[in-house]
Amino acid sequence: MSGLTEAQQELADTRAEIVEMQGVIDTLEEQVREGEAAEEAQQLAERYGLKRLAELRQEAAERKLAKAEAAELARQRGAAEATARADLGAASDEVIAAKYRAALAALDDLAEVCVQREAAVRTHLKAFAELDMPNVVANSNPQFIFRVDGTKFEVGERKAQDLVSRAINRVYAVRGLSGAPRIGIGSNPVERLVAARVGVGEQQAREQSDTSAFAQLLVSAARKGEKEAGR
């Protein structure tokens, strides 16, 4: 039994005792009023004294309860502060700053490789076109496309701003945040590759591309890949 519960029980018992004594006193007082024997008067005097002692014990119990309640309140406040300290420490500015740095670096890496790919596509398309190579599929507006080993490469298909915006948009969707960057309709080939890592086919990815469930799938796949890379 805790100190608070014990103090509460002690006060309740003392109050019950006083109520019981008051009942006996009321009976004795009525007997005295009716002129009954002096023995009742003697008992009445004794009961008055006992009741007074019980009242003093009640006061003591009330003080004890007040102290126990104060101690319990202090304990609860301390626990609340400790829990807050732990939760806030897990999401402190230092932790957020570290995650932010990692996000910046990751997005910058993504942008860099997209820029590198775009430059390479333009460079090799120009070279293939100048050599009149059959690799060139289209070399005029609105398409600039060539193939190497059966894989199609198109100018502007992997824009850094598109994929960076998509990454941010998907996180917004998963977290239920407002103000996500617009990314248009449909999935991106890179997103379909990420989805394939967790067993989602290309057609399914296309059909689900505009849903928050697909965003959740992409983020989960990305986190899974990050954990595997860290092993």
C-alpha atoms as a PDB file:
ATOM      1  CA  MET A   1       0.000   0.000   0.000  1.00  0.00           C
ATOM      2  CA  SER A   2       1.404   3.374  -1.029  1.00  0.00           C
ATOM      3  CA  GLY A   3       1.836   6.237   1.435  1.00  0.00           C
ATOM      4  CA  LEU A   4      -1.018   8.137  -0.215  1.00  0.00           C
ATOM      5  CA  THR A   5      -3.416   5.180  -0.112  1.00  0.00           C
ATOM      6  CA  GLU A   6      -2.476   4.427   3.494  1.00  0.00           C
ATOM      7  CA  ALA A   7      -3.139   8.046   4.528  1.00  0.00           C
ATOM      8  CA  GLN A   8      -6.481   8.029   2.719  1.00  0.00           C
ATOM      9  CA  GLN A   9      -7.517   4.812   4.455  1.00  0.00           C
ATOM     10  CA  GLU A  10      -6.430   6.109   7.864  1.00  0.00           C
ATOM     11  CA  LEU A  11      -8.499   9.290   7.433  1.00  0.00           C
ATOM     12  CA  ALA A  12     -11.523   7.317   6.264  1.00  0.00           C
ATOM     13  CA  ASP A  13     -11.285   4.991   9.300  1.00  0.00           C
ATOM     14  CA  THR A  14     -10.986   7.942  11.702  1.00  0.00           C
ATOM     15  CA  ARG A  15     -14.005   9.684  10.206  1.00  0.00           C
ATOM     16  CA  ALA A  16     -16.038   6.494  10.418  1.00  0.00           C
ATOM     17  CA  GLU A  17     -15.027   6.137  14.071  1.00  0.00           C
ATOM     18  CA  ILE A  18     -16.175   9.714  14.837  1.00  0.00           C
ATOM     19  CA  VAL A  19     -19.525   9.112  13.122  1.00  0.00           C
ATOM     20  CA  GLU A  20     -20.005   5.973  15.193  1.00  0.00           C
ATOM     21  CA  MET A  21     -19.080   7.806  18.408  1.00  0.00           C
ATOM     22  CA  GLN A  22     -21.451  10.627  17.590  1.00  0.00           C
ATOM     23  CA  GLY A  23     -24.264   8.104  17.285  1.00  0.00           C
ATOM     24  CA  VAL A  24     -23.508   6.723  20.743  1.00  0.00           C
ATOM     25  CA  ILE A  25     -23.253  10.263  22.187  1.00  0.00           C
ATOM     26  CA  ASP A  26     -26.591  11.251  20.661  1.00  0.00           C
ATOM     27  CA  THR A  27     -28.205   8.234  22.305  1.00  0.00           C
ATOM     28  CA  LEU A  28     -26.637   8.953  25.694  1.00  0.00           C
ATOM     29  CA  GLU A  29     -27.597  12.647  25.526  1.00  0.00           C
ATOM     30  CA  GLU A  30     -31.207  11.702  24.889  1.00  0.00           C
ATOM     31  CA  GLN A  31     -31.141   9.314  27.845  1.00  0.00           C
ATOM     32  CA  VAL A  32     -29.801  12.087  30.084  1.00  0.00           C
ATOM     33  CA  ARG A  33     -32.534  14.425  28.823  1.00  0.00           C
ATOM     34  CA  GLU A  34     -35.067  11.793  29.841  1.00  0.00           C
ATOM     35  CA  GLY A  35     -33.655  11.869  33.369  1.00  0.00           C
ATOM     36  CA  GLU A  36     -32.174   8.393  33.347  1.00  0.00           C
ATOM     37  CA  ALA A  37     -29.472   7.216  35.756  1.00  0.00           C
ATOM     38  CA  ALA A  38     -26.243   9.112  36.342  1.00  0.00           C
ATOM     39  CA  GLU A  39     -24.385   6.207  34.826  1.00  0.00           C
ATOM     40  CA  GLU A  40     -25.351   7.453  31.349  1.00  0.00           C
ATOM     41  CA  ALA A  41     -24.052  10.901  32.255  1.00  0.00           C
ATOM     42  CA  GLN A  42     -20.725   9.379  33.237  1.00  0.00           C
ATOM     43  CA  GLN A  43     -20.553   7.429  29.990  1.00  0.00           C
ATOM     44  CA  LEU A  44     -21.432  10.597  28.116  1.00  0.00           C
ATOM     45  CA  ALA A  45     -18.517  12.492  29.618  1.00  0.00           C
ATOM     46  CA  GLU A  46     -16.189   9.653  28.682  1.00  0.00           C
ATOM     47  CA  ARG A  47     -17.544   9.591  25.146  1.00  0.00           C
ATOM     48  CA  TYR A  48     -17.019  13.333  24.783  1.00  0.00           C
ATOM     49  CA  GLY A  49     -13.362  12.823  25.653  1.00  0.00           C
ATOM     50  CA  LEU A  50     -12.993   9.882  23.290  1.00  0.00           C
ATOM     51  CA  LYS A  51     -14.632  11.811  20.497  1.00  0.00           C
ATOM     52  CA  ARG A  52     -12.265  14.731  21.028  1.00  0.00           C
ATOM     53  CA  LEU A  53      -9.305  12.376  20.837  1.00  0.00           C
ATOM     54  CA  ALA A  54     -10.741  10.906  17.630  1.00  0.00           C
ATOM     55  CA  GLU A  55     -11.126  14.421  16.214  1.00  0.00           C
ATOM     56  CA  LEU A  56      -7.481  15.111  16.987  1.00  0.00           C
ATOM     57  CA  ARG A  57      -6.527  11.869  15.254  1.00  0.00           C
ATOM     58  CA  GLN A  58      -8.626  12.988  12.307  1.00  0.00           C
ATOM     59  CA  GLU A  59      -6.705  16.236  12.122  1.00  0.00           C
ATOM     60  CA  ALA A  60      -3.470  14.269  12.249  1.00  0.00           C
ATOM     61  CA  ALA A  61      -4.740  11.975   9.487  1.00  0.00           C
ATOM     62  CA  GLU A  62      -5.734  14.994   7.374  1.00  0.00           C
ATOM     63  CA  ARG A  63      -2.255  16.488   7.769  1.00  0.00           C
ATOM     64  CA  LYS A  64      -0.688  13.149   6.902  1.00  0.00           C
ATOM     65  CA  LEU A  65      -2.910  12.872   3.830  1.00  0.00           C
ATOM     66  CA  ALA A  66      -2.042  16.415   2.756  1.00  0.00           C
ATOM     67  CA  LYS A  67       1.661  15.568   2.984  1.00  0.00           C
ATOM     68  CA  ALA A  68       1.131  12.308   1.078  1.00  0.00           C
ATOM     69  CA  GLU A  69      -0.833  14.153  -1.633  1.00  0.00           C
ATOM     70  CA  ALA A  70       1.903  16.764  -1.909  1.00  0.00           C
ATOM     71  CA  ALA A  71       4.522  14.026  -2.192  1.00  0.00           C
ATOM     72  CA  GLU A  72       2.481  12.219  -4.852  1.00  0.00           C
ATOM     73  CA  LEU A  73       2.003  15.453  -6.797  1.00  0.00           C
ATOM     74  CA  ALA A  74       5.735  16.107  -6.618  1.00  0.00           C
ATOM     75  CA  ARG A  75       6.394  12.570  -7.857  1.00  0.00           C
ATOM     76  CA  GLN A  76       3.960  12.994 -10.770  1.00  0.00           C
ATOM     77  CA  ARG A  77       5.478  16.348 -11.683  1.00  0.00           C
ATOM     78  CA  GLY A  78       8.954  14.856 -11.596  1.00  0.00           C
ATOM     79  CA  ALA A  79       7.841  11.931 -13.755  1.00  0.00           C
ATOM     80  CA  ALA A  80       6.164  14.289 -16.238  1.00  0.00           C
ATOM     81  CA  GLU A  81       9.325  16.368 -16.490  1.00  0.00           C
ATOM     82  CA  ALA A  82      11.514  13.285 -16.895  1.00  0.00           C
ATOM     83  CA  THR A  83       9.274  11.951 -19.677  1.00  0.00           C
ATOM     84  CA  ALA A  84       9.279  15.333 -21.416  1.00  0.00           C
ATOM     85  CA  ARG A  85      13.055  15.526 -21.070  1.00  0.00           C
ATOM     86  CA  ALA A  86      13.446  12.110 -22.703  1.00  0.00           C
ATOM     87  CA  ASP A  87      10.983  12.826 -25.529  1.00  0.00           C
ATOM     88  CA  LEU A  88      12.391  16.262 -26.252  1.00  0.00           C
ATOM     89  CA  GLY A  89      15.939  14.962 -26.035  1.00  0.00           C
ATOM     90  CA  ALA A  90      15.126  12.366 -28.703  1.00  0.00           C
ATOM     91  CA  ALA A  91      13.974  15.220 -30.955  1.00  0.00           C
ATOM     92  CA  SER A  92      16.363  17.936 -29.809  1.00  0.00           C
ATOM     93  CA  ASP A  93      17.699  20.652 -32.084  1.00  0.00           C
ATOM     94  CA  GLU A  94      20.979  18.751 -32.225  1.00  0.00           C
ATOM     95  CA  VAL A  95      19.214  15.580 -33.403  1.00  0.00           C
ATOM     96  CA  ILE A  96      17.127  17.532 -35.926  1.00  0.00           C
ATOM     97  CA  ALA A  97      20.226  19.354 -37.161  1.00  0.00           C
ATOM     98  CA  ALA A  98      21.996  16.028 -37.736  1.00  0.00           C
ATOM     99  CA  LYS A  99      19.019  14.665 -39.673  1.00  0.00           C
ATOM    100  CA  TYR A 100      18.766  17.908 -41.616  1.00  0.00           C
ATOM    101  CA  ARG A 101      22.431  17.720 -42.598  1.00  0.00           C
ATOM    102  CA  ALA A 102      21.921  14.112 -43.726  1.00  0.00           C
ATOM    103  CA  ALA A 103      18.837  15.113 -45.730  1.00  0.00           C
ATOM    104  CA  LEU A 104      20.669  18.016 -47.355  1.00  0.00           C
ATOM    105  CA  ALA A 105      23.582  15.785 -48.283  1.00  0.00           C
ATOM    106  CA  ALA A 106      21.294  13.057 -49.649  1.00  0.00           C
ATOM    107  CA  LEU A 107      19.233  15.490 -51.718  1.00  0.00           C
ATOM    108  CA  ASP A 108      22.388  17.177 -52.967  1.00  0.00           C
ATOM    109  CA  ASP A 109      23.814  13.783 -53.962  1.00  0.00           C
ATOM    110  CA  LEU A 110      20.572  13.027 -55.794  1.00  0.00           C
ATOM    111  CA  ALA A 111      20.674  16.379 -57.579  1.00  0.00           C
ATOM    112  CA  GLU A 112      24.349  15.926 -58.477  1.00  0.00           C
ATOM    113  CA  VAL A 113      23.910  12.524 -60.117  1.00  0.00           C
ATOM    114  CA  CYS A 114      20.836  13.776 -61.990  1.00  0.00           C
ATOM    115  CA  VAL A 115      22.823  16.740 -63.321  1.00  0.00           C
ATOM    116  CA  GLN A 116      25.669  14.384 -64.277  1.00  0.00           C
ATOM    117  CA  ARG A 117      23.271  12.101 -66.109  1.00  0.00           C
ATOM    118  CA  GLU A 118      21.628  14.982 -67.962  1.00  0.00           C
ATOM    119  CA  ALA A 119      25.019  16.273 -69.078  1.00  0.00           C
ATOM    120  CA  ALA A 120      26.103  12.791 -70.159  1.00  0.00           C
ATOM    121  CA  VAL A 121      22.871  12.198 -72.115  1.00  0.00           C
ATOM    122  CA  ARG A 122      23.255  15.490 -73.972  1.00  0.00           C
ATOM    123  CA  THR A 123      26.962  14.884 -74.662  1.00  0.00           C
ATOM    124  CA  HIS A 124      26.514  11.358 -76.018  1.00  0.00           C
ATOM    125  CA  LEU A 125      23.417  12.199 -78.010  1.00  0.00           C
ATOM    126  CA  LYS A 126      25.383  14.948 -79.741  1.00  0.00           C
ATOM    127  CA  ALA A 127      28.264  12.565 -80.436  1.00  0.00           C
ATOM    128  CA  PHE A 128      25.965   9.812 -81.760  1.00  0.00           C
ATOM    129  CA  ALA A 129      24.091  12.286 -83.944  1.00  0.00           C
ATOM    130  CA  GLU A 130      27.299  13.729 -85.393  1.00  0.00           C
ATOM    131  CA  LEU A 131      28.487  10.187 -86.227  1.00  0.00           C
ATOM    132  CA  ASP A 132      25.077   9.390 -87.728  1.00  0.00           C
ATOM    133  CA  MET A 133      24.813   6.356 -85.457  1.00  0.00           C
ATOM    134  CA  PRO A 134      21.665   4.180 -85.386  1.00  0.00           C
ATOM    135  CA  ASN A 135      21.557   4.613 -81.592  1.00  0.00           C
ATOM    136  CA  VAL A 136      19.760   7.919 -82.117  1.00  0.00           C
ATOM    137  CA  VAL A 137      15.987   7.485 -81.870  1.00  0.00           C
ATOM    138  CA  ALA A 138      14.944  11.146 -82.028  1.00  0.00           C
ATOM    139  CA  ASN A 139      16.985  14.297 -82.224  1.00  0.00           C
ATOM    140  CA  SER A 140      14.529  17.152 -82.608  1.00  0.00           C
ATOM    141  CA  ASN A 141      11.870  18.859 -80.509  1.00  0.00           C
ATOM    142  CA  PRO A 142      10.112  17.687 -78.478  1.00  0.00           C
ATOM    143  CA  GLN A 143      12.220  14.500 -78.051  1.00  0.00           C
ATOM    144  CA  PHE A 144      15.941  13.854 -77.867  1.00  0.00           C
ATOM    145  CA  ILE A 145      16.398  10.110 -77.387  1.00  0.00           C
ATOM    146  CA  PHE A 146      19.023   7.442 -77.987  1.00  0.00           C
ATOM    147  CA  ARG A 147      19.537   3.822 -76.982  1.00  0.00           C
ATOM    148  CA  VAL A 148      22.550   1.980 -75.610  1.00  0.00           C
ATOM    149  CA  ASP A 149      22.379  -1.793 -75.037  1.00  0.00           C
ATOM    150  CA  GLY A 150      18.618  -1.649 -75.378  1.00  0.00           C
ATOM    151  CA  THR A 151      18.176   1.007 -72.697  1.00  0.00           C
ATOM    152  CA  LYS A 152      16.519   4.272 -73.696  1.00  0.00           C
ATOM    153  CA  PHE A 153      18.012   7.581 -72.609  1.00  0.00           C
ATOM    154  CA  GLU A 154      16.117  10.835 -73.057  1.00  0.00           C
ATOM    155  CA  VAL A 155      17.158  14.419 -72.437  1.00  0.00           C
ATOM    156  CA  GLY A 156      15.271  15.921 -69.494  1.00  0.00           C
ATOM    157  CA  GLU A 157      13.901  12.583 -68.258  1.00  0.00           C
ATOM    158  CA  ARG A 158      15.829  12.627 -64.957  1.00  0.00           C
ATOM    159  CA  LYS A 159      15.778  16.290 -64.026  1.00  0.00           C
ATOM    160  CA  ALA A 160      17.275  17.080 -60.621  1.00  0.00           C
ATOM    161  CA  GLN A 161      14.468  19.472 -59.715  1.00  0.00           C
ATOM    162  CA  ASP A 162      11.843  16.833 -60.540  1.00  0.00           C
ATOM    163  CA  LEU A 163      13.342  14.036 -58.467  1.00  0.00           C
ATOM    164  CA  VAL A 164      14.257  16.294 -55.538  1.00  0.00           C
ATOM    165  CA  SER A 165      10.678  17.651 -55.564  1.00  0.00           C
ATOM    166  CA  ARG A 166       9.292  14.126 -55.739  1.00  0.00           C
ATOM    167  CA  ALA A 167      11.355  13.021 -52.757  1.00  0.00           C
ATOM    168  CA  ILE A 168      10.055  15.953 -50.705  1.00  0.00           C
ATOM    169  CA  ASN A 169       6.486  15.425 -51.930  1.00  0.00           C
ATOM    170  CA  ARG A 170       6.505  11.763 -50.907  1.00  0.00           C
ATOM    171  CA  VAL A 171       7.692  12.578 -47.387  1.00  0.00           C
ATOM    172  CA  TYR A 172       5.005  15.262 -47.099  1.00  0.00           C
ATOM    173  CA  ALA A 173       2.376  12.729 -48.148  1.00  0.00           C
ATOM    174  CA  VAL A 174       3.543  10.143 -45.618  1.00  0.00           C
ATOM    175  CA  ARG A 175       3.645  12.693 -42.789  1.00  0.00           C
ATOM    176  CA  GLY A 176       0.364  14.351 -43.718  1.00  0.00           C
ATOM    177  CA  LEU A 177       2.053  17.728 -44.138  1.00  0.00           C
ATOM    178  CA  SER A 178       0.616  20.516 -46.260  1.00  0.00           C
ATOM    179  CA  GLY A 179       2.361  22.511 -48.962  1.00  0.00           C
ATOM    180  CA  ALA A 180       4.033  19.626 -50.802  1.00  0.00           C
ATOM    181  CA  PRO A 181       5.772  20.497 -54.098  1.00  0.00           C
ATOM    182  CA  ARG A 182       3.707  19.704 -57.196  1.00  0.00           C
ATOM    183  CA  ILE A 183       5.065  16.734 -59.126  1.00  0.00           C
ATOM    184  CA  GLY A 184       2.403  16.137 -61.754  1.00  0.00           C
ATOM    185  CA  ILE A 185       0.535  12.919 -62.426  1.00  0.00           C
ATOM    186  CA  GLY A 186       2.168   9.500 -62.586  1.00  0.00           C
ATOM    187  CA  SER A 187       5.237   7.891 -61.160  1.00  0.00           C
ATOM    188  CA  ASN A 188       8.822   8.425 -62.257  1.00  0.00           C
ATOM    189  CA  PRO A 189      10.955   5.562 -63.669  1.00  0.00           C
ATOM    190  CA  VAL A 190      13.332   5.972 -60.737  1.00  0.00           C
ATOM    191  CA  GLU A 191      10.425   5.663 -58.298  1.00  0.00           C
ATOM    192  CA  ARG A 192       9.322   2.492 -60.048  1.00  0.00           C
ATOM    193  CA  LEU A 193      12.795   1.042 -59.550  1.00  0.00           C
ATOM    194  CA  VAL A 194      12.604   1.867 -55.819  1.00  0.00           C
ATOM    195  CA  ALA A 195       9.141   0.294 -55.601  1.00  0.00           C
ATOM    196  CA  ALA A 196      10.411  -2.823 -57.355  1.00  0.00           C
ATOM    197  CA  ARG A 197      12.829  -3.374 -54.433  1.00  0.00           C
ATOM    198  CA  VAL A 198       9.849  -4.247 -52.260  1.00  0.00           C
ATOM    199  CA  GLY A 199       8.045  -6.318 -54.872  1.00  0.00           C
ATOM    200  CA  VAL A 200       5.770  -3.734 -56.495  1.00  0.00           C
ATOM    201  CA  GLY A 201       5.461  -4.208 -60.228  1.00  0.00           C
ATOM    202  CA  GLU A 202       5.767  -1.393 -62.755  1.00  0.00           C
ATOM    203  CA  GLN A 203       2.069  -1.377 -63.671  1.00  0.00           C
ATOM    204  CA  GLN A 204       0.992  -1.388 -60.026  1.00  0.00           C
ATOM    205  CA  ALA A 205       3.403   1.471 -59.323  1.00  0.00           C
ATOM    206  CA  ARG A 206       1.919   3.482 -62.182  1.00  0.00           C
ATOM    207  CA  GLU A 207      -1.622   2.905 -60.924  1.00  0.00           C
ATOM    208  CA  GLN A 208      -0.816   3.807 -57.316  1.00  0.00           C
ATOM    209  CA  SER A 209       1.608   6.652 -58.015  1.00  0.00           C
ATOM    210  CA  ASP A 210      -0.714   9.429 -56.866  1.00  0.00           C
ATOM    211  CA  THR A 211      -1.712   7.801 -53.557  1.00  0.00           C
ATOM    212  CA  SER A 212      -0.314   8.343 -50.087  1.00  0.00           C
ATOM    213  CA  ALA A 213       0.061   4.549 -49.877  1.00  0.00           C
ATOM    214  CA  PHE A 214       2.569   4.680 -52.726  1.00  0.00           C
ATOM    215  CA  ALA A 215       4.426   7.476 -50.968  1.00  0.00           C
ATOM    216  CA  GLN A 216       4.556   5.313 -47.830  1.00  0.00           C
ATOM    217  CA  LEU A 217       5.859   2.415 -49.882  1.00  0.00           C
ATOM    218  CA  LEU A 218       8.615   4.551 -51.413  1.00  0.00           C
ATOM    219  CA  VAL A 219       9.710   5.949 -48.054  1.00  0.00           C
ATOM    220  CA  SER A 220       9.683   2.466 -46.502  1.00  0.00           C
ATOM    221  CA  ALA A 221      11.719   1.085 -49.398  1.00  0.00           C
ATOM    222  CA  ALA A 222      14.185   3.960 -49.074  1.00  0.00           C
ATOM    223  CA  ARG A 223      14.584   3.358 -45.343  1.00  0.00           C
ATOM    224  CA  LYS A 224      15.023  -0.359 -45.930  1.00  0.00           C
ATOM    225  CA  GLY A 225      17.737   0.352 -48.483  1.00  0.00           C
ATOM    226  CA  GLU A 226      19.432   2.761 -46.069  1.00  0.00           C
ATOM    227  CA  LYS A 227      19.501   0.097 -43.326  1.00  0.00           C
ATOM    228  CA  GLU A 228      20.919  -2.493 -45.728  1.00  0.00           C
ATOM    229  CA  ALA A 229      23.610  -0.069 -46.847  1.00  0.00           C
ATOM    230  CA  GLY A 230      24.570   0.539 -43.221  1.00  0.00           C
ATOM    231  CA  ARG A 231      25.187  -3.129 -42.461  1.00  0.00           C
END
